[in-house]
Protein backbone atom coordinates (compact mmCIF):
# COMPACT_ATOMS: atom_id res chain seq x y z
CA UNK A 1 0.00 0.00 0.00
CA UNK A 2 1.36 3.39 -0.94
CA UNK A 3 4.33 2.08 -2.92
CA UNK A 4 2.73 2.73 -6.31
CA UNK A 5 -0.39 4.67 -7.21
CA UNK A 6 -2.63 4.23 -10.24
CA UNK A 7 -3.55 7.64 -11.59
CA UNK A 8 -7.11 7.87 -12.87
CA UNK A 9 -8.47 10.50 -15.26
CA UNK A 10 -10.38 13.46 -13.87
CA UNK A 11 -10.19 15.35 -10.61
CA UNK A 12 -12.16 15.37 -7.37
CA UNK A 13 -12.75 17.52 -4.34
CA UNK A 14 -14.26 14.90 -1.98
CA UNK A 15 -14.23 11.18 -2.75
CA UNK A 16 -16.10 8.32 -1.13
CA UNK A 17 -16.07 4.62 -2.00
CA UNK A 18 -19.22 2.48 -1.96
CA UNK A 19 -19.51 -1.10 -0.65
CA UNK A 20 -18.74 -2.43 -4.17
CA UNK A 21 -15.44 -0.56 -4.24
CA UNK A 22 -16.65 2.08 -6.72
CA UNK A 23 -15.50 5.64 -6.08
CA UNK A 24 -18.07 8.46 -6.09
CA UNK A 25 -16.62 11.93 -6.49
CA UNK A 26 -17.62 15.54 -6.76
CA UNK A 27 -15.50 17.97 -8.77
CA UNK A 28 -14.85 21.67 -8.18
CA UNK A 29 -17.90 22.50 -10.34
CA UNK A 30 -20.07 20.45 -7.91
CA UNK A 31 -20.75 17.80 -10.59
CA UNK A 32 -21.24 14.26 -9.31
CA UNK A 33 -19.43 11.31 -10.91
CA UNK A 34 -19.09 7.63 -10.11
CA UNK A 35 -16.40 5.34 -11.41
CA UNK A 36 -17.96 2.33 -13.13
CA UNK A 37 -16.92 -0.02 -15.92
CA UNK A 38 -13.44 1.49 -16.04
CA UNK A 39 -14.58 5.07 -16.64
CA UNK A 40 -16.17 7.98 -14.84
CA UNK A 41 -19.91 8.45 -15.31
CA UNK A 42 -21.50 11.89 -14.79
CA UNK A 43 -24.73 11.73 -12.81
CA UNK A 44 -27.55 14.22 -12.68
CA UNK A 45 -27.48 16.86 -9.98
CA UNK A 46 -24.87 18.83 -8.13
CA UNK A 47 -23.46 18.45 -4.63
CA UNK A 48 -21.40 20.14 -1.95
CA UNK A 49 -20.52 16.89 -0.17
CA UNK A 50 -20.77 13.14 -0.86
CA UNK A 51 -20.62 10.07 1.40
CA UNK A 52 -21.04 6.30 0.92
CA UNK A 53 -21.65 3.59 3.48
CA UNK A 54 -23.72 0.49 4.13
CA UNK A 55 -24.88 0.31 0.52
CA UNK A 56 -26.13 3.90 0.53
CA UNK A 57 -24.83 7.02 -1.25
CA UNK A 58 -25.80 10.46 0.08
CA UNK A 59 -25.08 14.02 -0.97
CA UNK A 60 -25.70 17.45 0.38
CA UNK A 61 -26.86 19.33 -2.69
CA UNK A 62 -26.34 22.91 -3.76
CA UNK A 63 -29.92 24.00 -3.02
CA UNK A 64 -30.15 26.19 0.11
CA UNK A 65 -32.60 24.98 2.77
CA UNK A 66 -32.98 25.62 6.47
CA UNK A 67 -29.91 24.13 8.13
CA UNK A 68 -27.63 24.28 5.10
CA UNK A 69 -28.13 22.43 1.82
CA UNK A 70 -30.70 19.85 0.75
CA UNK A 71 -29.98 16.20 1.55
CA UNK A 72 -30.43 13.51 -1.10
CA UNK A 73 -30.00 9.73 -1.30
CA UNK A 74 -29.16 7.84 -4.51
CA UNK A 75 -32.17 5.73 -5.50
CA UNK A 76 -30.50 3.80 -8.33
CA UNK A 77 -31.34 6.14 -11.21
CA UNK A 78 -31.85 9.51 -9.53
CA UNK A 79 -31.47 11.42 -6.26
CA UNK A 80 -34.31 11.27 -3.72
CA UNK A 81 -34.79 14.31 -1.48
CA UNK A 82 -35.08 13.79 2.27
CA UNK A 83 -36.04 16.36 4.90
CA UNK A 84 -33.38 18.50 6.55
CA UNK A 85 -30.32 20.51 5.72
CA UNK A 86 -26.60 19.83 6.10
CA UNK A 87 -23.19 21.36 5.49
CA UNK A 88 -21.29 18.09 6.14
CA UNK A 89 -22.40 14.48 5.80
CA UNK A 90 -21.06 11.04 6.66
CA UNK A 91 -22.49 7.53 6.42
CA UNK A 92 -21.65 4.65 8.75
CA UNK A 93 -21.19 1.01 7.71
CA UNK A 94 -24.91 0.30 8.35
CA UNK A 95 -25.96 3.06 5.93
CA UNK A 96 -27.02 5.48 8.68
CA UNK A 97 -26.63 9.10 7.65
CA UNK A 98 -24.90 11.57 9.99
CA UNK A 99 -25.01 15.30 9.26
CA UNK A 100 -23.76 18.57 10.66
CA UNK A 101 -25.99 21.54 9.94
CA UNK A 102 -24.94 25.17 9.61
CA UNK A 103 -25.56 25.73 13.35
CA UNK A 104 -22.99 23.00 14.11
CA UNK A 105 -25.64 20.55 15.36
CA UNK A 106 -24.92 16.87 14.76
CA UNK A 107 -27.92 14.80 13.62
CA UNK A 108 -28.34 11.13 12.80
CA UNK A 109 -30.91 9.96 10.24
C-alpha atoms as a PDB file:
ATOM      1  CA  UNK A   1       0.000   0.000   0.000  1.00  0.00           C
ATOM      2  CA  UNK A   2       1.357   3.392  -0.936  1.00  0.00           C
ATOM      3  CA  UNK A   3       4.330   2.082  -2.916  1.00  0.00           C
ATOM      4  CA  UNK A   4       2.730   2.727  -6.306  1.00  0.00           C
ATOM      5  CA  UNK A   5      -0.386   4.673  -7.213  1.00  0.00           C
ATOM      6  CA  UNK A   6      -2.626   4.227 -10.245  1.00  0.00           C
ATOM      7  CA  UNK A   7      -3.549   7.643 -11.588  1.00  0.00           C
ATOM      8  CA  UNK A   8      -7.106   7.870 -12.872  1.00  0.00           C
ATOM      9  CA  UNK A   9      -8.466  10.502 -15.258  1.00  0.00           C
ATOM     10  CA  UNK A  10     -10.384  13.461 -13.868  1.00  0.00           C
ATOM     11  CA  UNK A  11     -10.189  15.348 -10.611  1.00  0.00           C
ATOM     12  CA  UNK A  12     -12.163  15.373  -7.374  1.00  0.00           C
ATOM     13  CA  UNK A  13     -12.752  17.523  -4.341  1.00  0.00           C
ATOM     14  CA  UNK A  14     -14.260  14.904  -1.976  1.00  0.00           C
ATOM     15  CA  UNK A  15     -14.227  11.184  -2.746  1.00  0.00           C
ATOM     16  CA  UNK A  16     -16.100   8.317  -1.125  1.00  0.00           C
ATOM     17  CA  UNK A  17     -16.070   4.620  -2.004  1.00  0.00           C
ATOM     18  CA  UNK A  18     -19.218   2.476  -1.965  1.00  0.00           C
ATOM     19  CA  UNK A  19     -19.514  -1.101  -0.653  1.00  0.00           C
ATOM     20  CA  UNK A  20     -18.741  -2.434  -4.174  1.00  0.00           C
ATOM     21  CA  UNK A  21     -15.435  -0.562  -4.241  1.00  0.00           C
ATOM     22  CA  UNK A  22     -16.654   2.077  -6.716  1.00  0.00           C
ATOM     23  CA  UNK A  23     -15.500   5.641  -6.078  1.00  0.00           C
ATOM     24  CA  UNK A  24     -18.074   8.456  -6.090  1.00  0.00           C
ATOM     25  CA  UNK A  25     -16.624  11.933  -6.491  1.00  0.00           C
ATOM     26  CA  UNK A  26     -17.618  15.542  -6.758  1.00  0.00           C
ATOM     27  CA  UNK A  27     -15.503  17.969  -8.770  1.00  0.00           C
ATOM     28  CA  UNK A  28     -14.850  21.669  -8.181  1.00  0.00           C
ATOM     29  CA  UNK A  29     -17.904  22.496 -10.341  1.00  0.00           C
ATOM     30  CA  UNK A  30     -20.071  20.447  -7.909  1.00  0.00           C
ATOM     31  CA  UNK A  31     -20.748  17.798 -10.586  1.00  0.00           C
ATOM     32  CA  UNK A  32     -21.244  14.259  -9.310  1.00  0.00           C
ATOM     33  CA  UNK A  33     -19.434  11.309 -10.913  1.00  0.00           C
ATOM     34  CA  UNK A  34     -19.089   7.626 -10.108  1.00  0.00           C
ATOM     35  CA  UNK A  35     -16.395   5.339 -11.415  1.00  0.00           C
ATOM     36  CA  UNK A  36     -17.959   2.331 -13.131  1.00  0.00           C
ATOM     37  CA  UNK A  37     -16.918  -0.023 -15.918  1.00  0.00           C
ATOM     38  CA  UNK A  38     -13.441   1.486 -16.039  1.00  0.00           C
ATOM     39  CA  UNK A  39     -14.582   5.074 -16.639  1.00  0.00           C
ATOM     40  CA  UNK A  40     -16.173   7.981 -14.843  1.00  0.00           C
ATOM     41  CA  UNK A  41     -19.913   8.451 -15.308  1.00  0.00           C
ATOM     42  CA  UNK A  42     -21.499  11.886 -14.788  1.00  0.00           C
ATOM     43  CA  UNK A  43     -24.725  11.728 -12.809  1.00  0.00           C
ATOM     44  CA  UNK A  44     -27.554  14.216 -12.684  1.00  0.00           C
ATOM     45  CA  UNK A  45     -27.480  16.857  -9.984  1.00  0.00           C
ATOM     46  CA  UNK A  46     -24.869  18.833  -8.132  1.00  0.00           C
ATOM     47  CA  UNK A  47     -23.460  18.455  -4.633  1.00  0.00           C
ATOM     48  CA  UNK A  48     -21.404  20.137  -1.952  1.00  0.00           C
ATOM     49  CA  UNK A  49     -20.519  16.891  -0.175  1.00  0.00           C
ATOM     50  CA  UNK A  50     -20.774  13.141  -0.859  1.00  0.00           C
ATOM     51  CA  UNK A  51     -20.624  10.070   1.399  1.00  0.00           C
ATOM     52  CA  UNK A  52     -21.037   6.300   0.920  1.00  0.00           C
ATOM     53  CA  UNK A  53     -21.646   3.587   3.483  1.00  0.00           C
ATOM     54  CA  UNK A  54     -23.721   0.490   4.131  1.00  0.00           C
ATOM     55  CA  UNK A  55     -24.878   0.305   0.521  1.00  0.00           C
ATOM     56  CA  UNK A  56     -26.130   3.903   0.525  1.00  0.00           C
ATOM     57  CA  UNK A  57     -24.826   7.020  -1.249  1.00  0.00           C
ATOM     58  CA  UNK A  58     -25.800  10.457   0.081  1.00  0.00           C
ATOM     59  CA  UNK A  59     -25.082  14.023  -0.975  1.00  0.00           C
ATOM     60  CA  UNK A  60     -25.697  17.450   0.379  1.00  0.00           C
ATOM     61  CA  UNK A  61     -26.865  19.330  -2.693  1.00  0.00           C
ATOM     62  CA  UNK A  62     -26.341  22.908  -3.757  1.00  0.00           C
ATOM     63  CA  UNK A  63     -29.918  24.000  -3.019  1.00  0.00           C
ATOM     64  CA  UNK A  64     -30.148  26.189   0.110  1.00  0.00           C
ATOM     65  CA  UNK A  65     -32.598  24.976   2.765  1.00  0.00           C
ATOM     66  CA  UNK A  66     -32.978  25.618   6.472  1.00  0.00           C
ATOM     67  CA  UNK A  67     -29.909  24.127   8.132  1.00  0.00           C
ATOM     68  CA  UNK A  68     -27.627  24.282   5.102  1.00  0.00           C
ATOM     69  CA  UNK A  69     -28.131  22.433   1.825  1.00  0.00           C
ATOM     70  CA  UNK A  70     -30.695  19.852   0.755  1.00  0.00           C
ATOM     71  CA  UNK A  71     -29.977  16.196   1.547  1.00  0.00           C
ATOM     72  CA  UNK A  72     -30.434  13.508  -1.095  1.00  0.00           C
ATOM     73  CA  UNK A  73     -30.000   9.728  -1.300  1.00  0.00           C
ATOM     74  CA  UNK A  74     -29.157   7.844  -4.505  1.00  0.00           C
ATOM     75  CA  UNK A  75     -32.173   5.729  -5.501  1.00  0.00           C
ATOM     76  CA  UNK A  76     -30.504   3.796  -8.331  1.00  0.00           C
ATOM     77  CA  UNK A  77     -31.340   6.141 -11.211  1.00  0.00           C
ATOM     78  CA  UNK A  78     -31.848   9.511  -9.529  1.00  0.00           C
ATOM     79  CA  UNK A  79     -31.473  11.416  -6.260  1.00  0.00           C
ATOM     80  CA  UNK A  80     -34.307  11.266  -3.716  1.00  0.00           C
ATOM     81  CA  UNK A  81     -34.791  14.312  -1.482  1.00  0.00           C
ATOM     82  CA  UNK A  82     -35.082  13.789   2.267  1.00  0.00           C
ATOM     83  CA  UNK A  83     -36.041  16.364   4.903  1.00  0.00           C
ATOM     84  CA  UNK A  84     -33.376  18.499   6.546  1.00  0.00           C
ATOM     85  CA  UNK A  85     -30.317  20.514   5.720  1.00  0.00           C
ATOM     86  CA  UNK A  86     -26.600  19.831   6.097  1.00  0.00           C
ATOM     87  CA  UNK A  87     -23.188  21.359   5.486  1.00  0.00           C
ATOM     88  CA  UNK A  88     -21.286  18.092   6.142  1.00  0.00           C
ATOM     89  CA  UNK A  89     -22.401  14.483   5.799  1.00  0.00           C
ATOM     90  CA  UNK A  90     -21.058  11.041   6.657  1.00  0.00           C
ATOM     91  CA  UNK A  91     -22.492   7.525   6.422  1.00  0.00           C
ATOM     92  CA  UNK A  92     -21.651   4.646   8.746  1.00  0.00           C
ATOM     93  CA  UNK A  93     -21.194   1.011   7.708  1.00  0.00           C
ATOM     94  CA  UNK A  94     -24.906   0.300   8.353  1.00  0.00           C
ATOM     95  CA  UNK A  95     -25.963   3.063   5.927  1.00  0.00           C
ATOM     96  CA  UNK A  96     -27.024   5.476   8.681  1.00  0.00           C
ATOM     97  CA  UNK A  97     -26.627   9.104   7.655  1.00  0.00           C
ATOM     98  CA  UNK A  98     -24.900  11.573   9.989  1.00  0.00           C
ATOM     99  CA  UNK A  99     -25.010  15.297   9.256  1.00  0.00           C
ATOM    100  CA  UNK A 100     -23.759  18.570  10.659  1.00  0.00           C
ATOM    101  CA  UNK A 101     -25.994  21.545   9.937  1.00  0.00           C
ATOM    102  CA  UNK A 102     -24.938  25.167   9.615  1.00  0.00           C
ATOM    103  CA  UNK A 103     -25.561  25.732  13.347  1.00  0.00           C
ATOM    104  CA  UNK A 104     -22.993  23.001  14.109  1.00  0.00           C
ATOM    105  CA  UNK A 105     -25.644  20.555  15.364  1.00  0.00           C
ATOM    106  CA  UNK A 106     -24.921  16.870  14.764  1.00  0.00           C
ATOM    107  CA  UNK A 107     -27.915  14.805  13.625  1.00  0.00           C
ATOM    108  CA  UNK A 108     -28.340  11.127  12.797  1.00  0.00           C
ATOM    109  CA  UNK A 109     -30.914   9.961  10.237  1.00  0.00           C
END
